[in-house]
């Protein structure tokens, strides 16, 4: 159950979590939850509670290991905008972002970088025109409509996860207008820089390999300078 994670400066840890585990593992993970986390689980419908227990329990174990403290010595704090971060009893402050889809959870962890991550399933694209109108700017919608019809769903899914990953990194959330964010459309080189607005800072974008067919996952991390290159980032998969 424990995942060995060692993060140096300028490294980003990427962890996929299997949310469907046996009852004994669920019981163990339930014991590490704090009261506020257990409250989150209890507010869910019974079919969702088991996976939520695993997701939140594993998140706490992973962050505690990065900080080298016991799970009980870790607090999940929130910045003024609402973005979570981990604060350990030894003074460590670790940035992280998490997402989940079906039976898989995903977490990105960093000691120094602001991170945002999102994973979505192609099965969510039940109405491509409707979701395009929700996610895409007018220009992005025109670009998607100009693609061959078979490429539109996958391109839209990329756009969706990239925008959500950015909004998770900033702590804004999708309620503040996912259509107002500009991200690269189509295939990208990992570490590609982008500015979500004409006056905003630049970020770095990564497309993550997924362990299931039909999933799309994106990672957005803060860039420290306009001259920084992707080679400065050590992306570690655990």
C-alpha atoms as a PDB file:
ATOM      1  CA  UNK A   1       0.000   0.000   0.000  1.00  0.00           C
ATOM      2  CA  UNK A   2       2.872   2.394   0.760  1.00  0.00           C
ATOM      3  CA  UNK A   3       4.499   4.052  -2.259  1.00  0.00           C
ATOM      4  CA  UNK A   4       8.167   5.019  -1.890  1.00  0.00           C
ATOM      5  CA  UNK A   5       8.496   8.652  -2.945  1.00  0.00           C
ATOM      6  CA  UNK A   6      11.667  10.715  -2.836  1.00  0.00           C
ATOM      7  CA  UNK A   7      11.388  14.249  -4.214  1.00  0.00           C
ATOM      8  CA  UNK A   8      14.356  16.517  -4.778  1.00  0.00           C
ATOM      9  CA  UNK A   9      14.203  20.195  -5.644  1.00  0.00           C
ATOM     10  CA  UNK A  10      12.695  20.897  -9.058  1.00  0.00           C
ATOM     11  CA  UNK A  11      11.119  17.452  -9.246  1.00  0.00           C
ATOM     12  CA  UNK A  12       7.432  16.671  -9.632  1.00  0.00           C
ATOM     13  CA  UNK A  13       6.053  13.378  -8.362  1.00  0.00           C
ATOM     14  CA  UNK A  14       3.210  11.779 -10.336  1.00  0.00           C
ATOM     15  CA  UNK A  15       1.284   8.946  -8.676  1.00  0.00           C
ATOM     16  CA  UNK A  16      -1.656   6.949 -10.035  1.00  0.00           C
ATOM     17  CA  UNK A  17      -3.773   5.344  -7.316  1.00  0.00           C
ATOM     18  CA  UNK A  18      -5.944   2.249  -7.711  1.00  0.00           C
ATOM     19  CA  UNK A  19      -9.176   3.143  -5.907  1.00  0.00           C
ATOM     20  CA  UNK A  20     -10.649  -0.359  -6.011  1.00  0.00           C
ATOM     21  CA  UNK A  21      -8.822  -2.251  -3.258  1.00  0.00           C
ATOM     22  CA  UNK A  22      -9.925  -4.978  -0.883  1.00  0.00           C
ATOM     23  CA  UNK A  23     -11.867  -4.342   2.310  1.00  0.00           C
ATOM     24  CA  UNK A  24      -8.840  -4.782   4.574  1.00  0.00           C
ATOM     25  CA  UNK A  25      -6.946  -2.019   2.770  1.00  0.00           C
ATOM     26  CA  UNK A  26      -9.963   0.272   2.944  1.00  0.00           C
ATOM     27  CA  UNK A  27     -10.115  -0.273   6.706  1.00  0.00           C
ATOM     28  CA  UNK A  28      -6.428   0.581   7.102  1.00  0.00           C
ATOM     29  CA  UNK A  29      -6.781   3.733   5.019  1.00  0.00           C
ATOM     30  CA  UNK A  30      -9.889   4.807   6.910  1.00  0.00           C
ATOM     31  CA  UNK A  31      -7.838   4.875  10.107  1.00  0.00           C
ATOM     32  CA  UNK A  32      -5.479   7.561   8.778  1.00  0.00           C
ATOM     33  CA  UNK A  33      -8.249   9.991   7.818  1.00  0.00           C
ATOM     34  CA  UNK A  34      -8.693  13.152   9.863  1.00  0.00           C
ATOM     35  CA  UNK A  35     -12.221  14.061  11.049  1.00  0.00           C
ATOM     36  CA  UNK A  36     -12.714  16.626   8.256  1.00  0.00           C
ATOM     37  CA  UNK A  37     -11.702  14.040   5.649  1.00  0.00           C
ATOM     38  CA  UNK A  38     -14.062  11.466   7.161  1.00  0.00           C
ATOM     39  CA  UNK A  39     -16.826  14.078   7.032  1.00  0.00           C
ATOM     40  CA  UNK A  40     -16.176  14.489   3.293  1.00  0.00           C
ATOM     41  CA  UNK A  41     -16.520  10.741   2.834  1.00  0.00           C
ATOM     42  CA  UNK A  42     -19.694  10.556   4.915  1.00  0.00           C
ATOM     43  CA  UNK A  43     -21.400  13.231   2.802  1.00  0.00           C
ATOM     44  CA  UNK A  44     -21.076  11.044  -0.295  1.00  0.00           C
ATOM     45  CA  UNK A  45     -23.512   8.376  -1.374  1.00  0.00           C
ATOM     46  CA  UNK A  46     -22.563   4.858  -0.152  1.00  0.00           C
ATOM     47  CA  UNK A  47     -21.323   3.645  -3.574  1.00  0.00           C
ATOM     48  CA  UNK A  48     -18.771   6.492  -3.667  1.00  0.00           C
ATOM     49  CA  UNK A  49     -17.580   6.311  -0.065  1.00  0.00           C
ATOM     50  CA  UNK A  50     -15.211   3.374  -0.496  1.00  0.00           C
ATOM     51  CA  UNK A  51     -13.221   4.977  -3.321  1.00  0.00           C
ATOM     52  CA  UNK A  52     -13.186   8.318  -1.539  1.00  0.00           C
ATOM     53  CA  UNK A  53     -11.713   6.669   1.556  1.00  0.00           C
ATOM     54  CA  UNK A  54      -8.928   5.144  -0.539  1.00  0.00           C
ATOM     55  CA  UNK A  55      -8.302   8.382  -2.425  1.00  0.00           C
ATOM     56  CA  UNK A  56      -8.050  10.587   0.654  1.00  0.00           C
ATOM     57  CA  UNK A  57      -6.203   7.998   2.716  1.00  0.00           C
ATOM     58  CA  UNK A  58      -3.580   7.368   0.049  1.00  0.00           C
ATOM     59  CA  UNK A  59      -3.218  11.114  -0.503  1.00  0.00           C
ATOM     60  CA  UNK A  60      -2.419  11.571   3.173  1.00  0.00           C
ATOM     61  CA  UNK A  61       0.069   8.654   3.179  1.00  0.00           C
ATOM     62  CA  UNK A  62       1.833   9.960   0.062  1.00  0.00           C
ATOM     63  CA  UNK A  63       2.139  13.519   1.345  1.00  0.00           C
ATOM     64  CA  UNK A  64       3.281  12.326   4.769  1.00  0.00           C
ATOM     65  CA  UNK A  65       5.991  10.238   3.179  1.00  0.00           C
ATOM     66  CA  UNK A  66       7.221  13.172   1.076  1.00  0.00           C
ATOM     67  CA  UNK A  67       7.414  15.254   4.263  1.00  0.00           C
ATOM     68  CA  UNK A  68       8.933  12.344   6.251  1.00  0.00           C
ATOM     69  CA  UNK A  69       6.336  12.505   9.019  1.00  0.00           C
ATOM     70  CA  UNK A  70       3.589  10.242  10.306  1.00  0.00           C
ATOM     71  CA  UNK A  71       0.191  10.697   8.587  1.00  0.00           C
ATOM     72  CA  UNK A  72      -1.216  12.127  11.833  1.00  0.00           C
ATOM     73  CA  UNK A  73       1.457  14.875  11.758  1.00  0.00           C
ATOM     74  CA  UNK A  74       0.245  16.255   8.430  1.00  0.00           C
ATOM     75  CA  UNK A  75      -2.344  18.993   7.952  1.00  0.00           C
ATOM     76  CA  UNK A  76      -4.065  19.805   4.671  1.00  0.00           C
ATOM     77  CA  UNK A  77      -4.203  23.596   4.635  1.00  0.00           C
ATOM     78  CA  UNK A  78      -5.706  25.994   2.112  1.00  0.00           C
ATOM     79  CA  UNK A  79      -4.423  29.198   0.580  1.00  0.00           C
ATOM     80  CA  UNK A  80      -6.754  32.250   0.509  1.00  0.00           C
ATOM     81  CA  UNK A  81      -8.065  31.245  -2.926  1.00  0.00           C
ATOM     82  CA  UNK A  82      -8.905  27.753  -1.676  1.00  0.00           C
ATOM     83  CA  UNK A  83      -6.058  25.751  -3.222  1.00  0.00           C
ATOM     84  CA  UNK A  84      -4.914  22.984  -0.837  1.00  0.00           C
ATOM     85  CA  UNK A  85      -1.363  22.329   0.288  1.00  0.00           C
ATOM     86  CA  UNK A  86       0.258  20.054   2.865  1.00  0.00           C
ATOM     87  CA  UNK A  87       1.808  21.384   6.073  1.00  0.00           C
ATOM     88  CA  UNK A  88       3.840  18.966   8.204  1.00  0.00           C
ATOM     89  CA  UNK A  89       4.779  19.117  11.874  1.00  0.00           C
ATOM     90  CA  UNK A  90       8.471  19.371  10.892  1.00  0.00           C
ATOM     91  CA  UNK A  91       7.866  22.600   8.953  1.00  0.00           C
ATOM     92  CA  UNK A  92       7.636  21.134   5.465  1.00  0.00           C
ATOM     93  CA  UNK A  93       5.131  22.776   3.127  1.00  0.00           C
ATOM     94  CA  UNK A  94       4.396  20.643   0.074  1.00  0.00           C
ATOM     95  CA  UNK A  95       2.420  21.680  -2.988  1.00  0.00           C
ATOM     96  CA  UNK A  96       0.059  19.125  -4.479  1.00  0.00           C
ATOM     97  CA  UNK A  97      -2.961  18.680  -6.723  1.00  0.00           C
ATOM     98  CA  UNK A  98      -5.233  15.684  -7.101  1.00  0.00           C
ATOM     99  CA  UNK A  99      -7.928  14.382  -9.400  1.00  0.00           C
ATOM    100  CA  UNK A 100      -9.870  11.168  -9.898  1.00  0.00           C
ATOM    101  CA  UNK A 101     -11.872   9.418 -12.559  1.00  0.00           C
ATOM    102  CA  UNK A 102     -13.685   6.143 -12.041  1.00  0.00           C
ATOM    103  CA  UNK A 103     -11.435   3.627 -10.334  1.00  0.00           C
ATOM    104  CA  UNK A 104      -8.269   5.740 -10.626  1.00  0.00           C
ATOM    105  CA  UNK A 105      -6.903   8.607  -8.583  1.00  0.00           C
ATOM    106  CA  UNK A 106      -4.065  10.905  -9.625  1.00  0.00           C
ATOM    107  CA  UNK A 107      -1.861  13.131  -7.498  1.00  0.00           C
ATOM    108  CA  UNK A 108       0.988  15.495  -8.404  1.00  0.00           C
ATOM    109  CA  UNK A 109       3.381  16.559  -5.638  1.00  0.00           C
ATOM    110  CA  UNK A 110       6.153  19.153  -5.553  1.00  0.00           C
ATOM    111  CA  UNK A 111       8.341  20.723  -2.915  1.00  0.00           C
ATOM    112  CA  UNK A 112       8.784  24.006  -4.779  1.00  0.00           C
ATOM    113  CA  UNK A 113       6.445  24.282  -7.766  1.00  0.00           C
ATOM    114  CA  UNK A 114       2.769  25.140  -7.884  1.00  0.00           C
ATOM    115  CA  UNK A 115       1.057  22.210  -9.589  1.00  0.00           C
ATOM    116  CA  UNK A 116      -2.355  21.439 -11.030  1.00  0.00           C
ATOM    117  CA  UNK A 117      -3.522  18.119 -12.415  1.00  0.00           C
ATOM    118  CA  UNK A 118      -6.707  16.774 -13.969  1.00  0.00           C
ATOM    119  CA  UNK A 119      -7.871  13.484 -15.461  1.00  0.00           C
ATOM    120  CA  UNK A 120     -11.083  12.946 -17.431  1.00  0.00           C
ATOM    121  CA  UNK A 121     -12.667  10.075 -19.338  1.00  0.00           C
ATOM    122  CA  UNK A 122     -13.766  10.081 -22.958  1.00  0.00           C
ATOM    123  CA  UNK A 123     -17.042   8.612 -21.694  1.00  0.00           C
ATOM    124  CA  UNK A 124     -17.843  12.072 -20.266  1.00  0.00           C
ATOM    125  CA  UNK A 125     -18.057  13.493 -23.804  1.00  0.00           C
ATOM    126  CA  UNK A 126     -21.693  12.533 -24.216  1.00  0.00           C
ATOM    127  CA  UNK A 127     -22.478  15.767 -26.069  1.00  0.00           C
ATOM    128  CA  UNK A 128     -19.437  17.234 -27.867  1.00  0.00           C
ATOM    129  CA  UNK A 129     -21.138  20.447 -29.116  1.00  0.00           C
ATOM    130  CA  UNK A 130     -22.574  21.202 -25.678  1.00  0.00           C
ATOM    131  CA  UNK A 131     -19.305  20.585 -23.827  1.00  0.00           C
ATOM    132  CA  UNK A 132     -17.403  22.572 -26.454  1.00  0.00           C
ATOM    133  CA  UNK A 133     -19.674  25.553 -25.780  1.00  0.00           C
ATOM    134  CA  UNK A 134     -18.943  25.198 -22.055  1.00  0.00           C
ATOM    135  CA  UNK A 135     -15.161  24.646 -22.250  1.00  0.00           C
ATOM    136  CA  UNK A 136     -13.879  26.378 -25.387  1.00  0.00           C
ATOM    137  CA  UNK A 137     -13.479  30.007 -26.342  1.00  0.00           C
ATOM    138  CA  UNK A 138     -15.131  31.053 -29.605  1.00  0.00           C
ATOM    139  CA  UNK A 139     -11.791  30.700 -31.411  1.00  0.00           C
ATOM    140  CA  UNK A 140     -11.083  27.285 -29.864  1.00  0.00           C
ATOM    141  CA  UNK A 141     -14.579  26.114 -30.808  1.00  0.00           C
ATOM    142  CA  UNK A 142     -13.967  27.170 -34.420  1.00  0.00           C
ATOM    143  CA  UNK A 143     -10.633  25.311 -34.428  1.00  0.00           C
ATOM    144  CA  UNK A 144     -12.239  22.153 -33.052  1.00  0.00           C
ATOM    145  CA  UNK A 145     -15.100  22.337 -35.580  1.00  0.00           C
ATOM    146  CA  UNK A 146     -12.512  22.618 -38.375  1.00  0.00           C
ATOM    147  CA  UNK A 147     -10.949  19.276 -37.403  1.00  0.00           C
ATOM    148  CA  UNK A 148     -11.987  15.941 -38.921  1.00  0.00           C
ATOM    149  CA  UNK A 149     -15.014  14.752 -36.978  1.00  0.00           C
ATOM    150  CA  UNK A 150     -13.147  11.750 -35.529  1.00  0.00           C
ATOM    151  CA  UNK A 151     -10.506  14.031 -33.929  1.00  0.00           C
ATOM    152  CA  UNK A 152     -12.890  16.438 -32.249  1.00  0.00           C
ATOM    153  CA  UNK A 153     -13.662  14.406 -29.088  1.00  0.00           C
ATOM    154  CA  UNK A 154     -10.011  13.706 -28.212  1.00  0.00           C
ATOM    155  CA  UNK A 155      -9.004  17.317 -28.880  1.00  0.00           C
ATOM    156  CA  UNK A 156     -11.855  18.589 -26.721  1.00  0.00           C
ATOM    157  CA  UNK A 157     -10.882  16.182 -23.935  1.00  0.00           C
ATOM    158  CA  UNK A 158      -7.302  17.509 -24.041  1.00  0.00           C
ATOM    159  CA  UNK A 159      -8.563  21.077 -23.875  1.00  0.00           C
ATOM    160  CA  UNK A 160     -10.850  20.276 -20.950  1.00  0.00           C
ATOM    161  CA  UNK A 161      -8.162  18.619 -18.812  1.00  0.00           C
ATOM    162  CA  UNK A 162      -5.595  21.341 -19.576  1.00  0.00           C
ATOM    163  CA  UNK A 163      -7.938  24.102 -18.502  1.00  0.00           C
ATOM    164  CA  UNK A 164      -9.014  22.294 -15.348  1.00  0.00           C
ATOM    165  CA  UNK A 165      -5.383  21.513 -14.451  1.00  0.00           C
ATOM    166  CA  UNK A 166      -4.518  25.200 -14.781  1.00  0.00           C
ATOM    167  CA  UNK A 167      -7.514  26.303 -12.702  1.00  0.00           C
ATOM    168  CA  UNK A 168      -6.569  23.769 -10.019  1.00  0.00           C
ATOM    169  CA  UNK A 169      -3.014  25.112 -10.008  1.00  0.00           C
ATOM    170  CA  UNK A 170      -4.238  28.660  -9.428  1.00  0.00           C
ATOM    171  CA  UNK A 171      -6.990  27.638  -7.033  1.00  0.00           C
ATOM    172  CA  UNK A 172      -9.589  29.505  -9.084  1.00  0.00           C
ATOM    173  CA  UNK A 173     -11.738  26.485  -9.872  1.00  0.00           C
ATOM    174  CA  UNK A 174     -13.917  26.018 -12.925  1.00  0.00           C
ATOM    175  CA  UNK A 175     -16.665  28.198 -11.489  1.00  0.00           C
ATOM    176  CA  UNK A 176     -14.646  31.312 -12.393  1.00  0.00           C
ATOM    177  CA  UNK A 177     -14.987  30.727 -16.124  1.00  0.00           C
ATOM    178  CA  UNK A 178     -13.211  27.868 -17.852  1.00  0.00           C
ATOM    179  CA  UNK A 179     -13.882  29.576 -21.187  1.00  0.00           C
ATOM    180  CA  UNK A 180     -11.774  32.569 -20.136  1.00  0.00           C
ATOM    181  CA  UNK A 181      -8.593  30.485 -19.941  1.00  0.00           C
ATOM    182  CA  UNK A 182      -6.363  30.019 -22.976  1.00  0.00           C
ATOM    183  CA  UNK A 183      -4.292  26.838 -23.239  1.00  0.00           C
ATOM    184  CA  UNK A 184      -2.521  25.147 -26.172  1.00  0.00           C
ATOM    185  CA  UNK A 185      -4.846  23.199 -28.447  1.00  0.00           C
ATOM    186  CA  UNK A 186      -3.828  19.863 -29.979  1.00  0.00           C
ATOM    187  CA  UNK A 187      -0.582  17.967 -29.523  1.00  0.00           C
ATOM    188  CA  UNK A 188       2.097  19.617 -27.378  1.00  0.00           C
ATOM    189  CA  UNK A 189       5.697  18.991 -26.434  1.00  0.00           C
ATOM    190  CA  UNK A 190       5.919  18.201 -22.734  1.00  0.00           C
ATOM    191  CA  UNK A 191       6.975  21.283 -20.838  1.00  0.00           C
ATOM    192  CA  UNK A 192       5.485  23.618 -23.448  1.00  0.00           C
ATOM    193  CA  UNK A 193       5.118  27.099 -22.054  1.00  0.00           C
ATOM    194  CA  UNK A 194       1.846  29.003 -22.290  1.00  0.00           C
ATOM    195  CA  UNK A 195       0.212  32.122 -20.910  1.00  0.00           C
ATOM    196  CA  UNK A 196      -3.480  31.677 -20.031  1.00  0.00           C
ATOM    197  CA  UNK A 197      -4.152  35.377 -20.566  1.00  0.00           C
ATOM    198  CA  UNK A 198      -2.456  38.226 -22.392  1.00  0.00           C
ATOM    199  CA  UNK A 199      -1.127  39.695 -19.141  1.00  0.00           C
ATOM    200  CA  UNK A 200      -0.670  36.566 -17.052  1.00  0.00           C
ATOM    201  CA  UNK A 201       2.455  34.684 -16.044  1.00  0.00           C
ATOM    202  CA  UNK A 202       3.632  31.727 -18.081  1.00  0.00           C
ATOM    203  CA  UNK A 203       3.103  28.117 -17.044  1.00  0.00           C
ATOM    204  CA  UNK A 204       4.405  24.770 -18.304  1.00  0.00           C
ATOM    205  CA  UNK A 205       2.095  22.088 -19.699  1.00  0.00           C
ATOM    206  CA  UNK A 206       2.508  18.317 -19.714  1.00  0.00           C
ATOM    207  CA  UNK A 207       0.312  15.560 -21.149  1.00  0.00           C
ATOM    208  CA  UNK A 208       0.517  12.540 -18.843  1.00  0.00           C
ATOM    209  CA  UNK A 209       0.493   8.905 -19.908  1.00  0.00           C
ATOM    210  CA  UNK A 210      -2.614   7.193 -18.497  1.00  0.00           C
ATOM    211  CA  UNK A 211      -2.891   3.592 -17.287  1.00  0.00           C
ATOM    212  CA  UNK A 212      -6.328   3.147 -18.888  1.00  0.00           C
ATOM    213  CA  UNK A 213      -7.471   3.542 -22.488  1.00  0.00           C
ATOM    214  CA  UNK A 214      -9.954   6.378 -22.921  1.00  0.00           C
ATOM    215  CA  UNK A 215      -8.468   8.671 -20.291  1.00  0.00           C
ATOM    216  CA  UNK A 216      -6.753  12.028 -20.746  1.00  0.00           C
ATOM    217  CA  UNK A 217      -4.605  13.634 -18.046  1.00  0.00           C
ATOM    218  CA  UNK A 218      -2.827  16.982 -17.947  1.00  0.00           C
ATOM    219  CA  UNK A 219      -0.321  18.580 -15.591  1.00  0.00           C
ATOM    220  CA  UNK A 220       0.350  22.312 -15.281  1.00  0.00           C
ATOM    221  CA  UNK A 221       3.261  23.651 -13.243  1.00  0.00           C
ATOM    222  CA  UNK A 222       4.523  27.116 -12.440  1.00  0.00           C
ATOM    223  CA  UNK A 223       7.481  28.476 -14.375  1.00  0.00           C
ATOM    224  CA  UNK A 224      10.147  30.362 -12.456  1.00  0.00           C
ATOM    225  CA  UNK A 225      11.476  32.449 -15.340  1.00  0.00           C
ATOM    226  CA  UNK A 226      10.835  33.089 -19.025  1.00  0.00           C
ATOM    227  CA  UNK A 227      14.194  31.489 -19.858  1.00  0.00           C
ATOM    228  CA  UNK A 228      13.478  28.222 -18.054  1.00  0.00           C
ATOM    229  CA  UNK A 229      13.453  25.090 -20.210  1.00  0.00           C
ATOM    230  CA  UNK A 230      11.633  21.770 -19.656  1.00  0.00           C
ATOM    231  CA  UNK A 231      14.980  20.086 -18.983  1.00  0.00           C
ATOM    232  CA  UNK A 232      15.046  21.940 -15.654  1.00  0.00           C
ATOM    233  CA  UNK A 233      12.077  19.860 -14.462  1.00  0.00           C
ATOM    234  CA  UNK A 234      12.455  16.284 -13.244  1.00  0.00           C
ATOM    235  CA  UNK A 235       9.109  14.554 -13.769  1.00  0.00           C
ATOM    236  CA  UNK A 236       9.053  11.375 -11.688  1.00  0.00           C
ATOM    237  CA  UNK A 237       6.408   8.677 -12.018  1.00  0.00           C
ATOM    238  CA  UNK A 238       5.835   6.444  -8.998  1.00  0.00           C
END
